[in-house]
Amino acid sequence: MKSLGIGINELRSELKKHHRFSVHDVIPNLDYLIQSGWVLEIRRSRQFTTPGGTVRDSEQIKYKISEAGINHLEAGTIFTKPESTRNIKVTNVNGVTIIGDGNVVNESHIDLARALTKLDEAIAQAKELSDRQKIEAGADIVTIRSQISKPTPNKSIIIAAWEGLKGLVTIASLAGHAKRVGELIANSM
């Protein structure tokens, strides 16, 4: 376990070599990742003897990815705990349904919202897509979700966002979910 993690000098070197990060970019970004729980800071006390024979205390600091970071990058594993559904709140305000922590859906679009959630989950696990493609698809899903939360969704925005997602129908692991979203959009527009 002591060998897990990477020191700051190794981290700076690797990020500069592989991702062209400047030395000055590493610390603020690493600090953010630590504060948000994506990276763990491992501190270990140790002693060393100076050339003059004095024993000094020193602290070694290494960094490693946290459970939350691994689950995000790997889109969860079979060992990930399922989220509890007992705390889900469903509220209806003037025909707009609020599900859980602020997921707002116009009542007439609940099926589409559910289909978008399933598609979003499938995209996160799709090995056929690059990270960039996953981010772009996620942005289109967020756009559609934001429109179907409105009492009067802007259909042209939904259709434009769907154009970005339409190609997912050709990917085997996503075809069923993408097709369902497309059908629901076509039926509601």
N, C-alpha and C. Protein backbone atom coordinates (compact mmCIF):
# COMPACT_ATOMS: atom_id res chain seq x y z
N MET A 1 0.82 -1.20 0.00
CA MET A 1 0.00 0.00 0.00
C MET A 1 0.86 1.26 0.00
N LYS A 2 2.06 1.18 0.57
CA LYS A 2 2.91 2.37 0.63
C LYS A 2 3.36 2.82 -0.76
N SER A 3 3.41 1.88 -1.70
CA SER A 3 3.88 2.23 -3.04
C SER A 3 2.78 2.87 -3.88
N LEU A 4 1.53 2.82 -3.41
CA LEU A 4 0.44 3.45 -4.16
C LEU A 4 0.60 4.96 -4.12
N GLY A 5 0.16 5.60 -5.12
CA GLY A 5 0.22 7.06 -5.15
C GLY A 5 1.42 7.54 -5.93
N ILE A 6 1.43 8.82 -6.17
CA ILE A 6 2.49 9.44 -6.95
C ILE A 6 2.87 10.75 -6.26
N GLY A 7 4.15 11.05 -6.24
CA GLY A 7 4.62 12.29 -5.64
C GLY A 7 4.38 13.47 -6.56
N ILE A 8 4.49 14.66 -5.99
CA ILE A 8 4.18 15.87 -6.76
C ILE A 8 5.13 16.06 -7.94
N ASN A 9 6.42 15.75 -7.76
CA ASN A 9 7.37 15.93 -8.87
C ASN A 9 7.08 14.96 -10.01
N GLU A 10 6.74 13.72 -9.68
CA GLU A 10 6.37 12.74 -10.71
C GLU A 10 5.10 13.19 -11.42
N LEU A 11 4.13 13.68 -10.64
CA LEU A 11 2.86 14.12 -11.21
C LEU A 11 3.08 15.28 -12.18
N ARG A 12 3.86 16.27 -11.75
CA ARG A 12 4.14 17.41 -12.63
C ARG A 12 4.81 16.96 -13.92
N SER A 13 5.79 16.07 -13.79
CA SER A 13 6.53 15.59 -14.95
C SER A 13 5.61 14.86 -15.93
N GLU A 14 4.77 13.96 -15.42
CA GLU A 14 3.88 13.18 -16.28
C GLU A 14 2.83 14.08 -16.95
N LEU A 15 2.27 15.02 -16.21
CA LEU A 15 1.26 15.91 -16.79
C LEU A 15 1.86 16.83 -17.84
N LYS A 16 3.09 17.25 -17.62
CA LYS A 16 3.76 18.09 -18.61
C LYS A 16 4.07 17.27 -19.86
N LYS A 17 4.58 16.06 -19.66
CA LYS A 17 5.00 15.19 -20.76
C LYS A 17 3.82 14.74 -21.62
N HIS A 18 2.73 14.29 -20.97
CA HIS A 18 1.63 13.69 -21.71
C HIS A 18 0.48 14.64 -22.02
N HIS A 19 0.34 15.72 -21.26
CA HIS A 19 -0.82 16.60 -21.45
C HIS A 19 -0.45 18.06 -21.59
N ARG A 20 0.84 18.35 -21.62
CA ARG A 20 1.36 19.72 -21.79
C ARG A 20 0.89 20.69 -20.70
N PHE A 21 0.67 20.19 -19.48
CA PHE A 21 0.34 21.06 -18.35
C PHE A 21 1.59 21.81 -17.95
N SER A 22 1.44 23.09 -17.65
CA SER A 22 2.58 23.82 -17.11
C SER A 22 2.69 23.47 -15.62
N VAL A 23 3.86 23.66 -15.07
CA VAL A 23 4.09 23.38 -13.65
C VAL A 23 3.11 24.17 -12.79
N HIS A 24 2.79 25.37 -13.21
CA HIS A 24 1.91 26.24 -12.43
C HIS A 24 0.44 25.83 -12.49
N ASP A 25 0.07 25.01 -13.46
CA ASP A 25 -1.31 24.54 -13.57
C ASP A 25 -1.60 23.35 -12.66
N VAL A 26 -0.57 22.60 -12.33
CA VAL A 26 -0.77 21.34 -11.60
C VAL A 26 -1.31 21.57 -10.19
N ILE A 27 -0.69 22.45 -9.43
CA ILE A 27 -1.07 22.63 -8.01
C ILE A 27 -2.52 23.10 -7.85
N PRO A 28 -2.98 24.15 -8.54
CA PRO A 28 -4.37 24.56 -8.34
C PRO A 28 -5.38 23.49 -8.77
N ASN A 29 -5.07 22.78 -9.85
CA ASN A 29 -5.97 21.72 -10.30
C ASN A 29 -5.96 20.54 -9.35
N LEU A 30 -4.79 20.18 -8.85
CA LEU A 30 -4.69 19.10 -7.88
C LEU A 30 -5.43 19.48 -6.60
N ASP A 31 -5.27 20.72 -6.16
CA ASP A 31 -5.96 21.19 -4.96
C ASP A 31 -7.48 21.08 -5.12
N TYR A 32 -7.99 21.45 -6.29
CA TYR A 32 -9.43 21.33 -6.55
C TYR A 32 -9.87 19.87 -6.48
N LEU A 33 -9.11 18.97 -7.11
CA LEU A 33 -9.47 17.55 -7.12
C LEU A 33 -9.46 16.96 -5.71
N ILE A 34 -8.54 17.42 -4.88
CA ILE A 34 -8.49 16.95 -3.49
C ILE A 34 -9.71 17.47 -2.73
N GLN A 35 -10.00 18.75 -2.88
CA GLN A 35 -11.14 19.35 -2.16
C GLN A 35 -12.46 18.72 -2.58
N SER A 36 -12.60 18.34 -3.85
CA SER A 36 -13.85 17.77 -4.32
C SER A 36 -13.92 16.26 -4.12
N GLY A 37 -12.87 15.67 -3.56
CA GLY A 37 -12.90 14.25 -3.22
C GLY A 37 -12.52 13.30 -4.33
N TRP A 38 -11.99 13.80 -5.43
CA TRP A 38 -11.62 12.94 -6.56
C TRP A 38 -10.22 12.35 -6.39
N VAL A 39 -9.39 13.04 -5.60
CA VAL A 39 -8.02 12.60 -5.36
C VAL A 39 -7.79 12.59 -3.86
N LEU A 40 -7.06 11.57 -3.39
CA LEU A 40 -6.71 11.46 -1.98
C LEU A 40 -5.26 11.87 -1.78
N GLU A 41 -5.01 12.55 -0.68
CA GLU A 41 -3.67 12.93 -0.30
C GLU A 41 -3.20 11.96 0.78
N ILE A 42 -2.11 11.26 0.54
CA ILE A 42 -1.60 10.28 1.49
C ILE A 42 -0.35 10.86 2.13
N ARG A 43 -0.41 11.05 3.46
CA ARG A 43 0.73 11.61 4.19
C ARG A 43 1.36 10.51 5.03
N ARG A 44 2.69 10.46 5.00
CA ARG A 44 3.42 9.47 5.79
C ARG A 44 4.61 10.14 6.45
N SER A 45 4.70 9.98 7.77
CA SER A 45 5.83 10.54 8.51
C SER A 45 7.03 9.62 8.36
N ARG A 46 8.20 10.22 8.26
CA ARG A 46 9.43 9.44 8.18
C ARG A 46 10.57 10.28 8.76
N GLN A 47 11.66 9.63 9.03
CA GLN A 47 12.83 10.31 9.59
C GLN A 47 14.03 10.07 8.69
N PHE A 48 14.94 11.02 8.70
CA PHE A 48 16.20 10.85 7.98
C PHE A 48 17.32 11.45 8.81
N THR A 49 18.52 10.98 8.54
CA THR A 49 19.70 11.46 9.26
C THR A 49 20.49 12.38 8.34
N THR A 50 20.80 13.56 8.81
CA THR A 50 21.58 14.53 8.04
C THR A 50 23.04 14.10 8.00
N PRO A 51 23.83 14.66 7.08
CA PRO A 51 25.26 14.32 7.04
C PRO A 51 25.97 14.64 8.37
N GLY A 52 25.41 15.57 9.14
CA GLY A 52 26.01 15.92 10.43
C GLY A 52 25.58 14.97 11.54
N GLY A 53 24.71 13.98 11.24
CA GLY A 53 24.30 13.00 12.22
C GLY A 53 23.03 13.34 12.98
N THR A 54 22.38 14.42 12.63
CA THR A 54 21.14 14.81 13.30
C THR A 54 19.96 14.08 12.66
N VAL A 55 19.06 13.58 13.49
CA VAL A 55 17.86 12.91 12.98
C VAL A 55 16.75 13.95 12.82
N ARG A 56 16.18 14.02 11.64
CA ARG A 56 15.12 15.00 11.35
C ARG A 56 13.84 14.28 10.94
N ASP A 57 12.71 14.89 11.28
CA ASP A 57 11.42 14.38 10.84
C ASP A 57 11.08 14.97 9.47
N SER A 58 10.45 14.18 8.66
CA SER A 58 10.04 14.62 7.33
C SER A 58 8.69 13.99 7.03
N GLU A 59 7.93 14.64 6.18
CA GLU A 59 6.63 14.11 5.80
C GLU A 59 6.63 13.89 4.29
N GLN A 60 6.25 12.68 3.89
CA GLN A 60 6.14 12.35 2.48
C GLN A 60 4.67 12.46 2.10
N ILE A 61 4.39 13.15 1.00
CA ILE A 61 3.02 13.32 0.53
C ILE A 61 2.92 12.71 -0.87
N LYS A 62 1.94 11.82 -1.02
CA LYS A 62 1.66 11.23 -2.33
C LYS A 62 0.17 11.40 -2.63
N TYR A 63 -0.19 11.24 -3.88
CA TYR A 63 -1.56 11.44 -4.31
C TYR A 63 -2.03 10.22 -5.08
N LYS A 64 -3.29 9.84 -4.87
CA LYS A 64 -3.88 8.75 -5.64
C LYS A 64 -5.34 9.07 -5.89
N ILE A 65 -5.89 8.45 -6.91
CA ILE A 65 -7.29 8.67 -7.27
C ILE A 65 -8.18 8.04 -6.20
N SER A 66 -9.27 8.70 -5.88
CA SER A 66 -10.19 8.22 -4.85
C SER A 66 -11.24 7.29 -5.45
N GLU A 67 -12.05 6.73 -4.59
CA GLU A 67 -13.17 5.87 -5.01
C GLU A 67 -14.10 6.64 -5.95
N ALA A 68 -14.39 7.89 -5.58
CA ALA A 68 -15.29 8.71 -6.42
C ALA A 68 -14.68 8.94 -7.81
N GLY A 69 -13.38 9.17 -7.85
CA GLY A 69 -12.70 9.39 -9.12
C GLY A 69 -12.72 8.15 -9.99
N ILE A 70 -12.46 6.99 -9.39
CA ILE A 70 -12.48 5.73 -10.14
C ILE A 70 -13.88 5.46 -10.67
N ASN A 71 -14.89 5.63 -9.81
CA ASN A 71 -16.26 5.37 -10.25
C ASN A 71 -16.67 6.29 -11.39
N HIS A 72 -16.20 7.53 -11.36
CA HIS A 72 -16.53 8.46 -12.44
C HIS A 72 -15.84 8.03 -13.74
N LEU A 73 -14.55 7.76 -13.68
CA LEU A 73 -13.80 7.41 -14.88
C LEU A 73 -14.21 6.07 -15.46
N GLU A 74 -14.55 5.14 -14.61
CA GLU A 74 -14.92 3.81 -15.07
C GLU A 74 -16.43 3.65 -15.22
N ALA A 75 -17.19 4.71 -15.01
CA ALA A 75 -18.66 4.68 -15.05
C ALA A 75 -19.20 3.61 -14.11
N GLY A 76 -18.58 3.53 -12.94
CA GLY A 76 -19.03 2.57 -11.94
C GLY A 76 -18.50 1.18 -12.23
N THR A 77 -18.63 0.30 -11.27
CA THR A 77 -18.22 -1.09 -11.43
C THR A 77 -19.32 -1.96 -10.86
N ILE A 78 -19.14 -3.26 -10.95
CA ILE A 78 -20.14 -4.15 -10.36
C ILE A 78 -20.13 -4.04 -8.85
N PHE A 79 -19.08 -3.43 -8.28
CA PHE A 79 -18.98 -3.29 -6.84
C PHE A 79 -19.55 -1.97 -6.33
N THR A 80 -19.98 -1.10 -7.23
CA THR A 80 -20.56 0.18 -6.83
C THR A 80 -21.89 -0.06 -6.14
N LYS A 81 -22.08 0.62 -5.00
CA LYS A 81 -23.34 0.48 -4.28
C LYS A 81 -24.45 1.14 -5.08
N PRO A 82 -25.59 0.48 -5.19
CA PRO A 82 -26.71 1.12 -5.90
C PRO A 82 -27.22 2.30 -5.07
N GLU A 83 -27.65 3.34 -5.76
CA GLU A 83 -28.18 4.50 -5.06
C GLU A 83 -29.52 4.14 -4.43
N SER A 84 -29.73 4.65 -3.24
CA SER A 84 -30.97 4.38 -2.53
C SER A 84 -32.10 5.18 -3.15
N THR A 85 -33.25 4.54 -3.29
CA THR A 85 -34.39 5.24 -3.87
C THR A 85 -35.41 5.65 -2.82
N ARG A 86 -35.12 5.34 -1.55
CA ARG A 86 -36.13 5.69 -0.55
C ARG A 86 -36.21 7.19 -0.27
N ASN A 87 -35.20 7.96 -0.65
CA ASN A 87 -35.23 9.40 -0.38
C ASN A 87 -35.68 10.22 -1.58
N ILE A 88 -36.21 9.57 -2.61
CA ILE A 88 -36.66 10.31 -3.79
C ILE A 88 -37.94 11.05 -3.47
N LYS A 89 -37.93 12.36 -3.76
CA LYS A 89 -39.12 13.18 -3.55
C LYS A 89 -39.72 13.49 -4.92
N VAL A 90 -41.00 13.33 -5.03
CA VAL A 90 -41.69 13.69 -6.26
C VAL A 90 -42.71 14.74 -5.91
N THR A 91 -42.61 15.90 -6.55
CA THR A 91 -43.51 17.01 -6.28
C THR A 91 -44.07 17.51 -7.60
N ASN A 92 -45.31 17.95 -7.59
CA ASN A 92 -45.92 18.49 -8.79
C ASN A 92 -46.31 19.93 -8.52
N VAL A 93 -45.77 20.84 -9.34
CA VAL A 93 -46.09 22.25 -9.20
C VAL A 93 -46.62 22.75 -10.53
N ASN A 94 -47.91 22.99 -10.61
CA ASN A 94 -48.55 23.50 -11.83
C ASN A 94 -48.21 22.68 -13.07
N GLY A 95 -48.31 21.37 -12.98
CA GLY A 95 -48.07 20.51 -14.14
C GLY A 95 -46.61 20.22 -14.40
N VAL A 96 -45.70 20.75 -13.58
CA VAL A 96 -44.28 20.48 -13.72
C VAL A 96 -43.88 19.59 -12.56
N THR A 97 -43.30 18.44 -12.86
CA THR A 97 -42.92 17.48 -11.83
C THR A 97 -41.46 17.69 -11.46
N ILE A 98 -41.19 17.73 -10.16
CA ILE A 98 -39.82 17.86 -9.66
C ILE A 98 -39.48 16.53 -9.01
N ILE A 99 -38.46 15.85 -9.56
CA ILE A 99 -38.08 14.53 -9.09
C ILE A 99 -36.73 14.62 -8.40
N GLY A 100 -36.65 14.11 -7.15
CA GLY A 100 -35.38 14.08 -6.42
C GLY A 100 -34.86 15.46 -6.12
N ASP A 101 -33.56 15.66 -6.35
CA ASP A 101 -32.91 16.92 -6.02
C ASP A 101 -32.94 17.90 -7.18
N GLY A 102 -34.12 18.30 -7.58
CA GLY A 102 -34.23 19.37 -8.56
C GLY A 102 -34.29 18.95 -10.00
N ASN A 103 -34.49 17.67 -10.32
CA ASN A 103 -34.69 17.26 -11.70
C ASN A 103 -36.12 17.64 -12.08
N VAL A 104 -36.24 18.69 -12.86
CA VAL A 104 -37.54 19.25 -13.19
C VAL A 104 -37.98 18.73 -14.55
N VAL A 105 -39.21 18.23 -14.61
CA VAL A 105 -39.75 17.68 -15.86
C VAL A 105 -41.20 18.10 -15.99
N ASN A 106 -41.56 18.64 -17.15
CA ASN A 106 -42.95 18.93 -17.43
C ASN A 106 -43.68 17.60 -17.44
N GLU A 107 -44.83 17.54 -16.80
CA GLU A 107 -45.56 16.28 -16.63
C GLU A 107 -45.80 15.55 -17.95
N SER A 108 -46.00 16.30 -19.02
CA SER A 108 -46.28 15.66 -20.30
C SER A 108 -45.02 15.04 -20.93
N HIS A 109 -43.86 15.22 -20.31
CA HIS A 109 -42.61 14.71 -20.87
C HIS A 109 -41.87 13.76 -19.91
N ILE A 110 -42.58 13.16 -18.98
CA ILE A 110 -41.94 12.28 -18.00
C ILE A 110 -41.31 11.06 -18.68
N ASP A 111 -41.99 10.47 -19.65
CA ASP A 111 -41.43 9.31 -20.35
C ASP A 111 -40.14 9.67 -21.07
N LEU A 112 -40.11 10.85 -21.68
CA LEU A 112 -38.90 11.30 -22.36
C LEU A 112 -37.77 11.51 -21.35
N ALA A 113 -38.09 12.08 -20.20
CA ALA A 113 -37.07 12.30 -19.16
C ALA A 113 -36.48 10.97 -18.71
N ARG A 114 -37.32 9.97 -18.52
CA ARG A 114 -36.84 8.64 -18.12
C ARG A 114 -35.97 8.02 -19.21
N ALA A 115 -36.39 8.16 -20.45
CA ALA A 115 -35.61 7.60 -21.57
C ALA A 115 -34.26 8.31 -21.69
N LEU A 116 -34.24 9.62 -21.46
CA LEU A 116 -32.98 10.36 -21.49
C LEU A 116 -32.04 9.88 -20.40
N THR A 117 -32.59 9.60 -19.22
CA THR A 117 -31.76 9.11 -18.11
C THR A 117 -31.14 7.76 -18.48
N LYS A 118 -31.92 6.87 -19.05
CA LYS A 118 -31.40 5.56 -19.45
C LYS A 118 -30.33 5.70 -20.54
N LEU A 119 -30.57 6.59 -21.49
CA LEU A 119 -29.59 6.83 -22.54
C LEU A 119 -28.30 7.41 -21.95
N ASP A 120 -28.44 8.36 -21.04
CA ASP A 120 -27.29 8.98 -20.39
C ASP A 120 -26.45 7.94 -19.65
N GLU A 121 -27.11 7.04 -18.93
CA GLU A 121 -26.40 5.98 -18.20
C GLU A 121 -25.69 5.03 -19.17
N ALA A 122 -26.34 4.70 -20.27
CA ALA A 122 -25.73 3.81 -21.27
C ALA A 122 -24.53 4.48 -21.93
N ILE A 123 -24.63 5.77 -22.19
CA ILE A 123 -23.51 6.51 -22.79
C ILE A 123 -22.30 6.48 -21.86
N ALA A 124 -22.53 6.68 -20.57
CA ALA A 124 -21.43 6.68 -19.61
C ALA A 124 -20.67 5.36 -19.61
N GLN A 125 -21.35 4.27 -19.93
CA GLN A 125 -20.71 2.95 -19.91
C GLN A 125 -20.27 2.48 -21.30
N ALA A 126 -20.57 3.22 -22.33
CA ALA A 126 -20.27 2.80 -23.70
C ALA A 126 -18.77 2.87 -23.98
N LYS A 127 -18.19 1.74 -24.24
CA LYS A 127 -16.76 1.68 -24.52
C LYS A 127 -16.45 2.13 -25.96
N GLU A 128 -17.48 2.17 -26.80
CA GLU A 128 -17.29 2.57 -28.20
C GLU A 128 -17.11 4.08 -28.35
N LEU A 129 -17.45 4.85 -27.33
CA LEU A 129 -17.38 6.30 -27.41
C LEU A 129 -16.14 6.84 -26.71
N SER A 130 -15.56 7.87 -27.27
CA SER A 130 -14.44 8.56 -26.61
C SER A 130 -15.01 9.46 -25.51
N ASP A 131 -14.15 9.94 -24.64
CA ASP A 131 -14.60 10.86 -23.60
C ASP A 131 -15.21 12.11 -24.21
N ARG A 132 -14.63 12.59 -25.28
CA ARG A 132 -15.16 13.79 -25.95
C ARG A 132 -16.58 13.54 -26.46
N GLN A 133 -16.81 12.38 -27.08
CA GLN A 133 -18.14 12.04 -27.58
C GLN A 133 -19.14 11.92 -26.43
N LYS A 134 -18.70 11.36 -25.32
CA LYS A 134 -19.59 11.24 -24.16
C LYS A 134 -19.97 12.62 -23.62
N ILE A 135 -19.01 13.52 -23.58
CA ILE A 135 -19.28 14.89 -23.09
C ILE A 135 -20.25 15.60 -24.02
N GLU A 136 -20.03 15.47 -25.32
CA GLU A 136 -20.91 16.13 -26.29
C GLU A 136 -22.33 15.58 -26.21
N ALA A 137 -22.45 14.26 -26.10
CA ALA A 137 -23.78 13.64 -25.99
C ALA A 137 -24.44 14.08 -24.69
N GLY A 138 -23.68 14.12 -23.62
CA GLY A 138 -24.23 14.56 -22.33
C GLY A 138 -24.75 15.99 -22.39
N ALA A 139 -24.03 16.85 -23.10
CA ALA A 139 -24.47 18.24 -23.25
C ALA A 139 -25.79 18.32 -24.02
N ASP A 140 -25.92 17.49 -25.06
CA ASP A 140 -27.18 17.47 -25.82
C ASP A 140 -28.33 16.97 -24.95
N ILE A 141 -28.06 15.98 -24.11
CA ILE A 141 -29.09 15.46 -23.21
C ILE A 141 -29.51 16.53 -22.21
N VAL A 142 -28.54 17.26 -21.68
CA VAL A 142 -28.86 18.35 -20.73
C VAL A 142 -29.71 19.41 -21.42
N THR A 143 -29.40 19.71 -22.68
CA THR A 143 -30.18 20.70 -23.44
C THR A 143 -31.64 20.25 -23.57
N ILE A 144 -31.84 19.00 -23.92
CA ILE A 144 -33.21 18.49 -24.06
C ILE A 144 -33.91 18.51 -22.71
N ARG A 145 -33.21 18.07 -21.67
CA ARG A 145 -33.81 18.08 -20.32
C ARG A 145 -34.23 19.49 -19.91
N SER A 146 -33.38 20.46 -20.20
CA SER A 146 -33.72 21.83 -19.79
C SER A 146 -34.96 22.33 -20.53
N GLN A 147 -35.13 21.92 -21.78
CA GLN A 147 -36.30 22.34 -22.53
C GLN A 147 -37.58 21.65 -22.04
N ILE A 148 -37.50 20.35 -21.72
CA ILE A 148 -38.72 19.66 -21.30
C ILE A 148 -39.12 20.00 -19.87
N SER A 149 -38.30 20.79 -19.19
CA SER A 149 -38.70 21.25 -17.87
C SER A 149 -39.58 22.51 -17.97
N LYS A 150 -39.57 23.15 -19.13
CA LYS A 150 -40.34 24.37 -19.32
C LYS A 150 -41.80 24.05 -19.64
N PRO A 151 -42.71 24.92 -19.24
CA PRO A 151 -44.11 24.71 -19.60
C PRO A 151 -44.32 24.67 -21.11
N THR A 152 -43.53 25.47 -21.85
CA THR A 152 -43.59 25.47 -23.31
C THR A 152 -42.18 25.28 -23.86
N PRO A 153 -41.78 24.03 -24.08
CA PRO A 153 -40.43 23.77 -24.58
C PRO A 153 -40.22 24.33 -25.98
N ASN A 154 -39.01 24.78 -26.27
CA ASN A 154 -38.66 25.26 -27.59
C ASN A 154 -38.32 24.04 -28.44
N LYS A 155 -39.23 23.68 -29.33
CA LYS A 155 -39.09 22.46 -30.12
C LYS A 155 -37.88 22.49 -31.04
N SER A 156 -37.53 23.66 -31.56
CA SER A 156 -36.38 23.74 -32.47
C SER A 156 -35.07 23.45 -31.71
N ILE A 157 -35.00 23.84 -30.46
CA ILE A 157 -33.81 23.54 -29.65
C ILE A 157 -33.73 22.04 -29.38
N ILE A 158 -34.87 21.43 -29.05
CA ILE A 158 -34.91 19.99 -28.79
C ILE A 158 -34.49 19.22 -30.05
N ILE A 159 -35.02 19.62 -31.18
CA ILE A 159 -34.70 18.94 -32.44
C ILE A 159 -33.22 19.11 -32.78
N ALA A 160 -32.68 20.30 -32.55
CA ALA A 160 -31.25 20.54 -32.82
C ALA A 160 -30.38 19.67 -31.90
N ALA A 161 -30.76 19.55 -30.64
CA ALA A 161 -30.01 18.70 -29.71
C ALA A 161 -30.13 17.23 -30.10
N TRP A 162 -31.31 16.83 -30.56
CA TRP A 162 -31.51 15.45 -30.99
C TRP A 162 -30.63 15.12 -32.19
N GLU A 163 -30.41 16.10 -33.08
CA GLU A 163 -29.53 15.89 -34.23
C GLU A 163 -28.14 15.46 -33.77
N GLY A 164 -27.67 16.02 -32.64
CA GLY A 164 -26.37 15.64 -32.11
C GLY A 164 -26.36 14.23 -31.53
N LEU A 165 -27.53 13.73 -31.15
CA LEU A 165 -27.63 12.40 -30.53
C LEU A 165 -28.04 11.32 -31.52
N LYS A 166 -28.63 11.71 -32.63
CA LYS A 166 -29.23 10.76 -33.57
C LYS A 166 -28.28 9.65 -34.01
N GLY A 167 -27.00 9.96 -34.13
CA GLY A 167 -26.02 8.97 -34.58
C GLY A 167 -25.82 7.83 -33.59
N LEU A 168 -26.25 8.00 -32.35
CA LEU A 168 -26.09 6.95 -31.35
C LEU A 168 -26.93 5.72 -31.65
N VAL A 169 -27.94 5.88 -32.51
CA VAL A 169 -28.80 4.76 -32.89
C VAL A 169 -27.98 3.67 -33.59
N THR A 170 -26.87 4.04 -34.20
CA THR A 170 -26.04 3.07 -34.94
C THR A 170 -25.07 2.31 -34.04
N ILE A 171 -24.97 2.68 -32.77
CA ILE A 171 -24.05 2.00 -31.85
C ILE A 171 -24.86 0.95 -31.08
N ALA A 172 -24.44 -0.29 -31.20
CA ALA A 172 -25.22 -1.42 -30.68
C ALA A 172 -25.65 -1.25 -29.23
N SER A 173 -24.72 -0.86 -28.36
CA SER A 173 -25.07 -0.78 -26.93
C SER A 173 -26.00 0.38 -26.60
N LEU A 174 -26.16 1.31 -27.54
CA LEU A 174 -26.99 2.49 -27.29
C LEU A 174 -28.24 2.54 -28.16
N ALA A 175 -28.31 1.67 -29.15
CA ALA A 175 -29.36 1.75 -30.17
C ALA A 175 -30.77 1.77 -29.58
N GLY A 176 -31.08 0.86 -28.68
CA GLY A 176 -32.43 0.79 -28.12
C GLY A 176 -32.81 2.04 -27.36
N HIS A 177 -31.88 2.54 -26.54
CA HIS A 177 -32.16 3.74 -25.75
C HIS A 177 -32.29 4.98 -26.65
N ALA A 178 -31.38 5.10 -27.62
CA ALA A 178 -31.41 6.26 -28.52
C ALA A 178 -32.68 6.24 -29.38
N LYS A 179 -33.04 5.05 -29.85
CA LYS A 179 -34.26 4.93 -30.67
C LYS A 179 -35.48 5.36 -29.87
N ARG A 180 -35.56 4.93 -28.60
CA ARG A 180 -36.69 5.30 -27.74
C ARG A 180 -36.77 6.81 -27.55
N VAL A 181 -35.62 7.46 -27.31
CA VAL A 181 -35.61 8.92 -27.16
C VAL A 181 -36.09 9.57 -28.44
N GLY A 182 -35.61 9.09 -29.58
CA GLY A 182 -36.03 9.64 -30.87
C GLY A 182 -37.53 9.51 -31.10
N GLU A 183 -38.07 8.35 -30.76
CA GLU A 183 -39.53 8.15 -30.92
C GLU A 183 -40.32 9.11 -30.03
N LEU A 184 -39.89 9.26 -28.79
CA LEU A 184 -40.62 10.14 -27.88
C LEU A 184 -40.53 11.60 -28.32
N ILE A 185 -39.38 12.00 -28.83
CA ILE A 185 -39.26 13.37 -29.34
C ILE A 185 -40.15 13.57 -30.56
N ALA A 186 -40.14 12.59 -31.48
CA ALA A 186 -40.98 12.69 -32.69
C ALA A 186 -42.46 12.75 -32.33
N ASN A 187 -42.87 11.98 -31.33
CA ASN A 187 -44.29 11.97 -30.94
C ASN A 187 -44.71 13.23 -30.19
N SER A 188 -43.76 13.91 -29.56
CA SER A 188 -44.15 15.09 -28.77
C SER A 188 -43.93 16.40 -29.51
N MET A 189 -43.34 16.34 -30.67
CA MET A 189 -43.06 17.59 -31.39
C MET A 189 -44.14 17.87 -32.38
